[in-house]
C-alpha atoms as a PDB file:
ATOM      1  CA  MET A   1     -41.150 -30.773 -30.196  1.00  0.00           C
ATOM      2  CA  ILE A   2     -38.568 -33.074 -31.760  1.00  0.00           C
ATOM      3  CA  LYS A   3     -41.223 -35.651 -33.077  1.00  0.00           C
ATOM      4  CA  PHE A   4     -42.853 -32.629 -34.323  1.00  0.00           C
ATOM      5  CA  PHE A   5     -40.045 -31.489 -36.205  1.00  0.00           C
ATOM      6  CA  ARG A   6     -39.838 -35.032 -37.647  1.00  0.00           C
ATOM      7  CA  LYS A   7     -43.428 -35.751 -38.451  1.00  0.00           C
ATOM      8  CA  ILE A   8     -43.520 -32.785 -40.720  1.00  0.00           C
ATOM      9  CA  ARG A   9     -40.036 -33.833 -42.371  1.00  0.00           C
ATOM     10  CA  GLN A  10     -41.656 -37.118 -43.270  1.00  0.00           C
ATOM     11  CA  ASN A  11     -44.829 -36.098 -44.656  1.00  0.00           C
ATOM     12  CA  LEU A  12     -42.400 -33.217 -46.972  1.00  0.00           C
ATOM     13  CA  LEU A  13     -41.093 -36.625 -48.118  1.00  0.00           C
ATOM     14  CA  ILE A  14     -43.724 -38.693 -48.678  1.00  0.00           C
ATOM     15  CA  GLU A  15     -45.314 -36.219 -50.480  1.00  0.00           C
ATOM     16  CA  ASN A  16     -42.012 -36.060 -52.757  1.00  0.00           C
ATOM     17  CA  LYS A  17     -42.128 -32.431 -51.860  1.00  0.00           C
ATOM     18  CA  THR A  18     -38.238 -32.508 -52.163  1.00  0.00           C
ATOM     19  CA  GLY A  19     -37.868 -29.141 -52.532  1.00  0.00           C
ATOM     20  CA  LYS A  20     -40.035 -27.676 -49.768  1.00  0.00           C
ATOM     21  CA  TYR A  21     -38.511 -30.265 -47.628  1.00  0.00           C
ATOM     22  CA  PHE A  22     -34.763 -28.580 -48.151  1.00  0.00           C
ATOM     23  CA  LYS A  23     -36.048 -25.184 -47.313  1.00  0.00           C
ATOM     24  CA  TYR A  24     -37.534 -26.402 -44.317  1.00  0.00           C
ATOM     25  CA  ALA A  25     -34.796 -28.479 -43.666  1.00  0.00           C
ATOM     26  CA  PHE A  26     -32.087 -25.468 -43.960  1.00  0.00           C
ATOM     27  CA  GLY A  27     -34.852 -23.495 -41.562  1.00  0.00           C
ATOM     28  CA  GLU A  28     -34.458 -26.349 -39.074  1.00  0.00           C
ATOM     29  CA  ILE A  29     -30.761 -25.253 -38.880  1.00  0.00           C
ATOM     30  CA  VAL A  30     -30.944 -22.084 -38.962  1.00  0.00           C
ATOM     31  CA  LEU A  31     -33.379 -22.057 -35.924  1.00  0.00           C
ATOM     32  CA  VAL A  32     -30.952 -24.491 -34.327  1.00  0.00           C
ATOM     33  CA  VAL A  33     -28.240 -22.237 -34.895  1.00  0.00           C
ATOM     34  CA  ILE A  34     -30.010 -19.073 -34.093  1.00  0.00           C
ATOM     35  CA  GLY A  35     -30.934 -21.110 -30.366  1.00  0.00           C
ATOM     36  CA  ILE A  36     -27.568 -21.855 -29.907  1.00  0.00           C
ATOM     37  CA  LEU A  37     -26.096 -18.235 -30.433  1.00  0.00           C
ATOM     38  CA  ILE A  38     -28.992 -17.232 -27.968  1.00  0.00           C
ATOM     39  CA  ALA A  39     -27.308 -19.630 -25.372  1.00  0.00           C
ATOM     40  CA  LEU A  40     -23.836 -18.602 -25.715  1.00  0.00           C
ATOM     41  CA  GLN A  41     -24.895 -14.942 -25.464  1.00  0.00           C
ATOM     42  CA  ILE A  42     -26.877 -16.090 -22.341  1.00  0.00           C
ATOM     43  CA  ASN A  43     -23.930 -17.776 -21.180  1.00  0.00           C
ATOM     44  CA  SER A  44     -21.234 -14.831 -21.779  1.00  0.00           C
ATOM     45  CA  TRP A  45     -24.053 -12.848 -19.978  1.00  0.00           C
ATOM     46  CA  ASN A  46     -23.924 -14.519 -16.803  1.00  0.00           C
ATOM     47  CA  GLU A  47     -20.130 -14.922 -17.221  1.00  0.00           C
ATOM     48  CA  GLU A  48     -19.931 -11.113 -17.015  1.00  0.00           C
ATOM     49  CA  ARG A  49     -22.330 -10.778 -14.315  1.00  0.00           C
ATOM     50  CA  ILE A  50     -20.055 -13.223 -12.314  1.00  0.00           C
ATOM     51  CA  ILE A  51     -16.963 -11.692 -13.386  1.00  0.00           C
ATOM     52  CA  LYS A  52     -18.074  -8.400 -12.264  1.00  0.00           C
ATOM     53  CA  ASN A  53     -19.698  -9.524  -8.925  1.00  0.00           C
ATOM     54  CA  ASN A  54     -16.558 -11.152  -7.794  1.00  0.00           C
ATOM     55  CA  ILE A  55     -14.759  -7.879  -9.186  1.00  0.00           C
ATOM     56  CA  ASN A  56     -17.226  -5.798  -6.593  1.00  0.00           C
ATOM     57  CA  LEU A  57     -16.392  -8.625  -3.737  1.00  0.00           C
ATOM     58  CA  TYR A  58     -12.639  -8.164  -4.445  1.00  0.00           C
ATOM     59  CA  LEU A  59     -12.569  -3.951  -4.603  1.00  0.00           C
ATOM     60  CA  GLY A  60     -14.685  -4.500  -1.154  1.00  0.00           C
ATOM     61  CA  ALA A  61     -11.882  -6.576   0.445  1.00  0.00           C
ATOM     62  CA  LEU A  62      -9.236  -3.986  -1.271  1.00  0.00           C
ATOM     63  CA  MET A  63     -11.195  -1.210   0.356  1.00  0.00           C
ATOM     64  CA  GLN A  64     -10.558  -3.211   3.772  1.00  0.00           C
ATOM     65  CA  ASP A  65      -6.976  -3.623   3.285  1.00  0.00           C
ATOM     66  CA  MET A  66      -6.403   0.126   2.328  1.00  0.00           C
ATOM     67  CA  LYS A  67      -8.143   0.894   5.658  1.00  0.00           C
ATOM     68  CA  GLU A  68      -5.790  -1.599   7.706  1.00  0.00           C
ATOM     69  CA  ASP A  69      -2.904   0.549   5.266  1.00  0.00           C
ATOM     70  CA  ILE A  70      -4.484   3.918   6.840  1.00  0.00           C
ATOM     71  CA  LYS A  71      -3.935   2.603  10.298  1.00  0.00           C
ATOM     72  CA  ILE A  72      -0.436   1.234   9.095  1.00  0.00           C
ATOM     73  CA  ILE A  73       0.949   4.180   7.648  1.00  0.00           C
ATOM     74  CA  LYS A  74      -0.242   6.700  10.517  1.00  0.00           C
ATOM     75  CA  SER A  75       1.788   4.131  12.972  1.00  0.00           C
ATOM     76  CA  GLY A  76       4.539   4.603  10.583  1.00  0.00           C
ATOM     77  CA  ARG A  77       4.391   8.189  10.228  1.00  0.00           C
ATOM     78  CA  ARG A  78       4.738   8.840  14.036  1.00  0.00           C
ATOM     79  CA  TYR A  79       7.205   6.803  14.206  1.00  0.00           C
ATOM     80  CA  HIS A  80       8.887   8.904  12.226  1.00  0.00           C
ATOM     81  CA  ILE A  81       8.101  12.084  13.456  1.00  0.00           C
ATOM     82  CA  PHE A  82       9.498  10.755  17.446  1.00  0.00           C
ATOM     83  CA  ARG A  83      12.686  10.013  15.630  1.00  0.00           C
ATOM     84  CA  ILE A  84      12.920  13.642  13.673  1.00  0.00           C
ATOM     85  CA  HIS A  85      11.983  15.529  17.125  1.00  0.00           C
ATOM     86  CA  SER A  86      13.972  13.164  19.335  1.00  0.00           C
ATOM     87  CA  GLY A  87      16.930  13.331  16.424  1.00  0.00           C
ATOM     88  CA  ILE A  88      17.127  17.438  16.649  1.00  0.00           C
ATOM     89  CA  TYR A  89      16.600  17.554  20.555  1.00  0.00           C
ATOM     90  CA  MET A  90      19.965  15.086  21.317  1.00  0.00           C
ATOM     91  CA  LEU A  91      21.924  17.184  18.343  1.00  0.00           C
ATOM     92  CA  ASP A  92      20.415  20.608  20.081  1.00  0.00           C
ATOM     93  CA  LEU A  93      22.300  19.162  23.675  1.00  0.00           C
ATOM     94  CA  TYR A  94      25.098  18.624  22.023  1.00  0.00           C
ATOM     95  CA  ASN A  95      25.457  21.674  20.094  1.00  0.00           C
ATOM     96  CA  PRO A  96      22.639  23.815  19.734  1.00  0.00           C
ATOM     97  CA  GLU A  97      24.388  25.868  16.570  1.00  0.00           C
ATOM     98  CA  GLU A  98      25.119  22.506  14.480  1.00  0.00           C
ATOM     99  CA  LYS A  99      21.522  21.667  14.876  1.00  0.00           C
ATOM    100  CA  LEU A 100      20.263  24.642  13.238  1.00  0.00           C
ATOM    101  CA  THR A 101      22.831  25.135  10.656  1.00  0.00           C
ATOM    102  CA  PHE A 102      21.459  21.285   9.624  1.00  0.00           C
ATOM    103  CA  LEU A 103      18.058  22.332   9.766  1.00  0.00           C
ATOM    104  CA  SER A 104      18.373  25.677   7.710  1.00  0.00           C
ATOM    105  CA  ASP A 105      16.661  23.837   4.394  1.00  0.00           C
ATOM    106  CA  ASN A 106      13.918  21.915   6.336  1.00  0.00           C
ATOM    107  CA  ASN A 107      11.487  24.421   7.940  1.00  0.00           C
ATOM    108  CA  ASN A 108       8.543  22.710   7.646  1.00  0.00           C
ATOM    109  CA  LEU A 109       8.806  19.921  10.446  1.00  0.00           C
ATOM    110  CA  PRO A 110       5.772  17.623  10.907  1.00  0.00           C
ATOM    111  CA  VAL A 111       3.848  18.799  14.283  1.00  0.00           C
ATOM    112  CA  TRP A 112       5.153  16.544  17.103  1.00  0.00           C
ATOM    113  CA  GLU A 113       2.425  14.276  18.437  1.00  0.00           C
ATOM    114  CA  ASP A 114       1.338  15.097  21.870  1.00  0.00           C
ATOM    115  CA  PRO A 115       1.255  11.611  23.264  1.00  0.00           C
ATOM    116  CA  SER A 116       3.803  10.591  20.565  1.00  0.00           C
ATOM    117  CA  TRP A 117       4.918   7.519  19.467  1.00  0.00           C
ATOM    118  CA  ARG A 118       7.459   6.347  22.305  1.00  0.00           C
ATOM    119  CA  TRP A 119       6.755   9.295  24.636  1.00  0.00           C
ATOM    120  CA  GLU A 120       3.919  10.784  27.158  1.00  0.00           C
ATOM    121  CA  GLY A 121       3.930  14.381  27.160  1.00  0.00           C
ATOM    122  CA  PRO A 122       5.462  17.071  24.637  1.00  0.00           C
ATOM    123  CA  VAL A 123       9.611  16.602  23.916  1.00  0.00           C
ATOM    124  CA  PRO A 124      11.434  17.944  27.044  1.00  0.00           C
ATOM    125  CA  THR A 125      13.256  21.648  27.102  1.00  0.00           C
ATOM    126  CA  LYS A 126      15.998  20.565  29.205  1.00  0.00           C
ATOM    127  CA  TYR A 127      18.514  17.350  29.563  1.00  0.00           C
ATOM    128  CA  ASP A 128      16.226  14.870  29.982  1.00  0.00           C
ATOM    129  CA  THR A 129      18.133  10.797  30.767  1.00  0.00           C
ATOM    130  CA  ASN A 130      14.808   9.183  30.301  1.00  0.00           C
ATOM    131  CA  PHE A 131      13.408  10.803  27.015  1.00  0.00           C
ATOM    132  CA  ILE A 132      17.351  10.164  25.826  1.00  0.00           C
ATOM    133  CA  ASN A 133      17.437   6.617  26.393  1.00  0.00           C
ATOM    134  CA  THR A 134      14.021   5.955  25.018  1.00  0.00           C
ATOM    135  CA  SER A 135      15.084   7.829  21.501  1.00  0.00           C
ATOM    136  CA  LEU A 136      18.705   6.007  21.478  1.00  0.00           C
ATOM    137  CA  VAL A 137      17.035   2.898  21.991  1.00  0.00           C
ATOM    138  CA  TRP A 138      14.243   3.655  19.012  1.00  0.00           C
ATOM    139  CA  LEU A 139      17.728   5.057  16.753  1.00  0.00           C
ATOM    140  CA  PHE A 140      18.551   1.368  17.466  1.00  0.00           C
ATOM    141  CA  ARG A 141      15.803  -0.189  15.986  1.00  0.00           C
ATOM    142  CA  TYR A 142      13.931   0.729  12.889  1.00  0.00           C
ATOM    143  CA  GLN A 143      10.117   0.207  12.018  1.00  0.00           C
ATOM    144  CA  PRO A 144       9.258  -0.737   8.283  1.00  0.00           C
ATOM    145  CA  THR A 145       5.756   0.245   6.702  1.00  0.00           C
ATOM    146  CA  TYR A 146       4.276  -2.133   4.058  1.00  0.00           C
ATOM    147  CA  PRO A 147       1.243  -2.310   2.874  1.00  0.00           C
ATOM    148  CA  VAL A 148      -1.413  -5.103   3.324  1.00  0.00           C
ATOM    149  CA  LYS A 149      -1.368  -6.587  -0.377  1.00  0.00           C
ATOM    150  CA  ARG A 150      -3.029 -10.028   0.362  1.00  0.00           C
ATOM    151  CA  THR A 151      -6.331  -8.780  -2.026  1.00  0.00           C
ATOM    152  CA  ILE A 152      -4.376  -7.140  -4.609  1.00  0.00           C
ATOM    153  CA  ASP A 153      -1.920 -10.009  -5.282  1.00  0.00           C
ATOM    154  CA  GLU A 154      -5.232 -12.246  -5.381  1.00  0.00           C
ATOM    155  CA  PHE A 155      -6.714  -9.985  -7.406  1.00  0.00           C
ATOM    156  CA  SER A 156      -4.247  -9.884  -9.506  1.00  0.00           C
ATOM    157  CA  SER A 157      -3.363 -13.495  -9.431  1.00  0.00           C
ATOM    158  CA  LEU A 158      -6.483 -14.412 -10.634  1.00  0.00           C
ATOM    159  CA  GLY A 159      -7.098 -12.303 -13.735  1.00  0.00           C
ATOM    160  CA  LEU A 160      -9.972 -10.161 -12.329  1.00  0.00           C
ATOM    161  CA  PHE A 161      -8.242  -6.897 -11.615  1.00  0.00           C
ATOM    162  CA  SER A 162      -7.091  -6.666 -15.352  1.00  0.00           C
ATOM    163  CA  LYS A 163     -10.545  -6.690 -16.617  1.00  0.00           C
ATOM    164  CA  MET A 164     -11.732  -4.280 -14.456  1.00  0.00           C
ATOM    165  CA  GLU A 165     -13.811  -1.726 -16.884  1.00  0.00           C
ATOM    166  CA  ASN A 166     -12.810   1.315 -15.041  1.00  0.00           C
ATOM    167  CA  HIS A 167      -9.384   1.523 -16.437  1.00  0.00           C
ATOM    168  CA  ALA A 168      -9.252   5.107 -14.610  1.00  0.00           C
ATOM    169  CA  LEU A 169      -9.949   3.479 -10.817  1.00  0.00           C
ATOM    170  CA  LYS A 170      -6.930   0.547 -11.934  1.00  0.00           C
ATOM    171  CA  ILE A 171      -4.587   2.636 -12.841  1.00  0.00           C
ATOM    172  CA  GLN A 172      -4.970   4.886  -9.689  1.00  0.00           C
ATOM    173  CA  ILE A 173      -4.937   1.659  -7.510  1.00  0.00           C
ATOM    174  CA  GLU A 174      -1.577   0.543  -9.593  1.00  0.00           C
ATOM    175  CA  LYS A 175      -0.281   4.345  -8.644  1.00  0.00           C
ATOM    176  CA  TYR A 176      -0.803   3.699  -5.082  1.00  0.00           C
ATOM    177  CA  TYR A 177       1.003   0.467  -4.406  1.00  0.00           C
ATOM    178  CA  ASN A 178       4.279   1.510  -6.743  1.00  0.00           C
ATOM    179  CA  TYR A 179       4.354   4.813  -5.000  1.00  0.00           C
ATOM    180  CA  PHE A 180       3.918   3.314  -1.650  1.00  0.00           C
ATOM    181  CA  ASP A 181       6.748   0.896  -2.678  1.00  0.00           C
ATOM    182  CA  TRP A 182       8.724   3.336  -4.256  1.00  0.00           C
ATOM    183  CA  THR A 183       8.829   5.712  -1.138  1.00  0.00           C
ATOM    184  CA  HIS A 184       9.472   2.993   1.516  1.00  0.00           C
ATOM    185  CA  ASN A 185      11.846   0.762   0.019  1.00  0.00           C
ATOM    186  CA  ASP A 186      14.649   0.319   2.148  1.00  0.00           C
ATOM    187  CA  SER A 187      16.240  -2.902   0.778  1.00  0.00           C
ATOM    188  CA  ASN A 188      19.533  -1.256   0.044  1.00  0.00           C
ATOM    189  CA  LYS A 189      20.972  -2.059   3.570  1.00  0.00           C
ATOM    190  CA  GLU A 190      24.311  -0.554   2.281  1.00  0.00           C
ATOM    191  CA  TYR A 191      23.354   2.820   2.973  1.00  0.00           C
ATOM    192  CA  ASN A 192      20.430   2.163   5.360  1.00  0.00           C
ATOM    193  CA  THR A 193      20.693   4.946   8.099  1.00  0.00           C
ATOM    194  CA  THR A 194      19.760   2.690  11.019  1.00  0.00           C
ATOM    195  CA  VAL A 195      22.336  -0.164   9.708  1.00  0.00           C
ATOM    196  CA  LEU A 196      24.723   2.599   9.377  1.00  0.00           C
ATOM    197  CA  TRP A 197      23.918   4.007  13.100  1.00  0.00           C
ATOM    198  CA  ASN A 198      23.823   1.014  14.489  1.00  0.00           C
ATOM    199  CA  LYS A 199      27.149  -0.273  13.160  1.00  0.00           C
ATOM    200  CA  SER A 200      28.902   2.984  14.140  1.00  0.00           C
ATOM    201  CA  LEU A 201      28.104   2.560  17.853  1.00  0.00           C
ATOM    202  CA  VAL A 202      29.128  -1.208  17.818  1.00  0.00           C
ATOM    203  CA  GLU A 203      32.137  -0.549  16.179  1.00  0.00           C
ATOM    204  CA  SER A 204      33.121   1.889  19.531  1.00  0.00           C
ATOM    205  CA  GLY A 205      32.089  -0.731  21.644  1.00  0.00           C
ATOM    206  CA  ILE A 206      28.328   0.565  22.538  1.00  0.00           C
ATOM    207  CA  GLY A 207      25.569  -2.083  22.224  1.00  0.00           C
ATOM    208  CA  TYR A 208      21.830  -1.866  22.914  1.00  0.00           C
ATOM    209  CA  MET A 209      21.892  -3.053  26.341  1.00  0.00           C
ATOM    210  CA  ASP A 210      25.209  -0.326  27.153  1.00  0.00           C
ATOM    211  CA  LEU A 211      22.973   2.790  26.675  1.00  0.00           C
ATOM    212  CA  ALA A 212      20.839   2.345  29.754  1.00  0.00           C
ATOM    213  CA  ASN A 213      24.159   2.446  31.754  1.00  0.00           C
ATOM    214  CA  LEU A 214      26.069   5.279  30.266  1.00  0.00           C
ATOM    215  CA  GLU A 215      26.837   8.537  32.301  1.00  0.00           C
ATOM    216  CA  ASN A 216      26.837  11.137  29.482  1.00  0.00           C
ATOM    217  CA  PRO A 217      25.278   9.343  26.340  1.00  0.00           C
ATOM    218  CA  ILE A 218      25.218  12.196  24.332  1.00  0.00           C
ATOM    219  CA  GLU A 219      29.167  12.980  24.509  1.00  0.00           C
ATOM    220  CA  VAL A 220      30.044   9.720  24.427  1.00  0.00           C
ATOM    221  CA  ILE A 221      27.741   9.002  21.562  1.00  0.00           C
ATOM    222  CA  PHE A 222      27.764  12.462  19.605  1.00  0.00           C
ATOM    223  CA  SER A 223      31.452  13.234  19.949  1.00  0.00           C
ATOM    224  CA  ASP A 224      32.069  11.030  16.900  1.00  0.00           C
ATOM    225  CA  LYS A 225      31.370  14.073  13.776  1.00  0.00           C
ATOM    226  CA  SER A 226      30.458  10.468  11.261  1.00  0.00           C
ATOM    227  CA  ARG A 227      27.822   9.323  13.765  1.00  0.00           C
ATOM    228  CA  ARG A 228      26.056  12.869  13.914  1.00  0.00           C
ATOM    229  CA  ALA A 229      26.341  13.109  10.375  1.00  0.00           C
ATOM    230  CA  ILE A 230      24.268   9.843  10.494  1.00  0.00           C
ATOM    231  CA  LEU A 231      21.784  11.071  12.721  1.00  0.00           C
ATOM    232  CA  LYS A 232      21.332  13.864  10.416  1.00  0.00           C
ATOM    233  CA  ASN A 233      20.878  11.588   7.147  1.00  0.00           C
ATOM    234  CA  MET A 234      18.147   9.905   9.505  1.00  0.00           C
ATOM    235  CA  ILE A 235      16.695  13.080  10.711  1.00  0.00           C
ATOM    236  CA  ASP A 236      16.297  14.226   7.008  1.00  0.00           C
ATOM    237  CA  GLU A 237      14.994  10.744   6.072  1.00  0.00           C
ATOM    238  CA  SER A 238      12.292  10.416   8.286  1.00  0.00           C
ATOM    239  CA  ILE A 239      11.472  14.642   7.570  1.00  0.00           C
ATOM    240  CA  TYR A 240      10.782  13.126   3.750  1.00  0.00           C
ATOM    241  CA  LYS A 241       9.335   9.518   4.986  1.00  0.00           C
ATOM    242  CA  SER A 242       6.221  11.652   7.362  1.00  0.00           C
ATOM    243  CA  SER A 243       6.094  14.150   4.422  1.00  0.00           C
ATOM    244  CA  THR A 244       5.307  11.171   1.775  1.00  0.00           C
ATOM    245  CA  ASP A 245       2.952   9.342   4.292  1.00  0.00           C
ATOM    246  CA  GLU A 246       0.897  12.709   4.411  1.00  0.00           C
ATOM    247  CA  ALA A 247       0.822  12.547   1.168  1.00  0.00           C
ATOM    248  CA  ILE A 248      -0.249   8.842   1.091  1.00  0.00           C
ATOM    249  CA  LEU A 249      -2.928   9.367   3.661  1.00  0.00           C
ATOM    250  CA  THR A 250      -4.701  11.898   1.474  1.00  0.00           C
ATOM    251  CA  TYR A 251      -4.650   9.911  -1.864  1.00  0.00           C
ATOM    252  CA  LEU A 252      -5.384   6.955  -0.179  1.00  0.00           C
ATOM    253  CA  SER A 253      -8.722   8.522   1.253  1.00  0.00           C
ATOM    254  CA  LYS A 254     -10.071   9.832  -1.397  1.00  0.00           C
ATOM    255  CA  LEU A 255      -9.279   5.968  -3.280  1.00  0.00           C
ATOM    256  CA  ILE A 256     -11.084   4.639  -1.064  1.00  0.00           C
ATOM    257  CA  ASN A 257     -13.762   6.870  -1.791  1.00  0.00           C
ATOM    258  CA  GLU A 258     -13.646   6.316  -5.585  1.00  0.00           C
ATOM    259  CA  ILE A 259     -13.654   2.259  -4.696  1.00  0.00           C
ATOM    260  CA  GLU A 260     -16.895   2.587  -2.596  1.00  0.00           C
ATOM    261  CA  VAL A 261     -18.388   4.479  -5.348  1.00  0.00           C
ATOM    262  CA  GLU A 262     -17.379   1.921  -8.100  1.00  0.00           C
ATOM    263  CA  ILE A 263     -18.886  -0.534  -6.266  1.00  0.00           C
ATOM    264  CA  GLN A 264     -22.075   1.016  -5.764  1.00  0.00           C
ATOM    265  CA  ARG A 265     -22.345   1.928  -9.852  1.00  0.00           C
ATOM    266  CA  ASN A 266     -22.269  -1.901 -10.053  1.00  0.00           C
END
């Protein structure tokens, strides 16, 4: 093809047709430029296709992470429901009237799950040493809830998340992670109820391993007014977190469906 065009140019020069030669040369340049532009456009289309395919792959992985999040959130919510009802049970054993006063503004308690997070059967209606010991053990401990962020972190770091064309979906995904972090941020250790609870017991000479040896743990532990206040705050905190977890689960189920629709659309 190149030899063919070269021969045409040579014939035009030999025949002393300079004007036609320049016109032809200009036309040839235009053809070359058009060819380059077409090649660049094809290359751009290929790059866009690759980017879109990669975005879909990450959206699929993100959807799997969110399904893991559902399991994590459900477990965390069960933990908080256990804390709520076991805490109310122990306050009720110590002083029923104080418990009722505390709950006057919290009538919409989450339903106890049977079997619960750490107990088979319903909440006891009478003094139950095993249930008390189990409850006290898990007041000492705390189960933080964190989303699986390996995909969203990589998705963002590669710059692919910002290239999503569905901006509404992108905002919904960002909203999910921001809200999750905000509602489960336990970084303020100074006012963390579990930290305060443990500190209060340790300062009274009661350690984690001492609980099973206490003859009357309810009286020993809850005779301290400040410790009862800490438990009330802990219950209130768990009521809030179980409620927000329920809202997150509803939001997350819808978000997973929308991501699935977006993947199929592309």
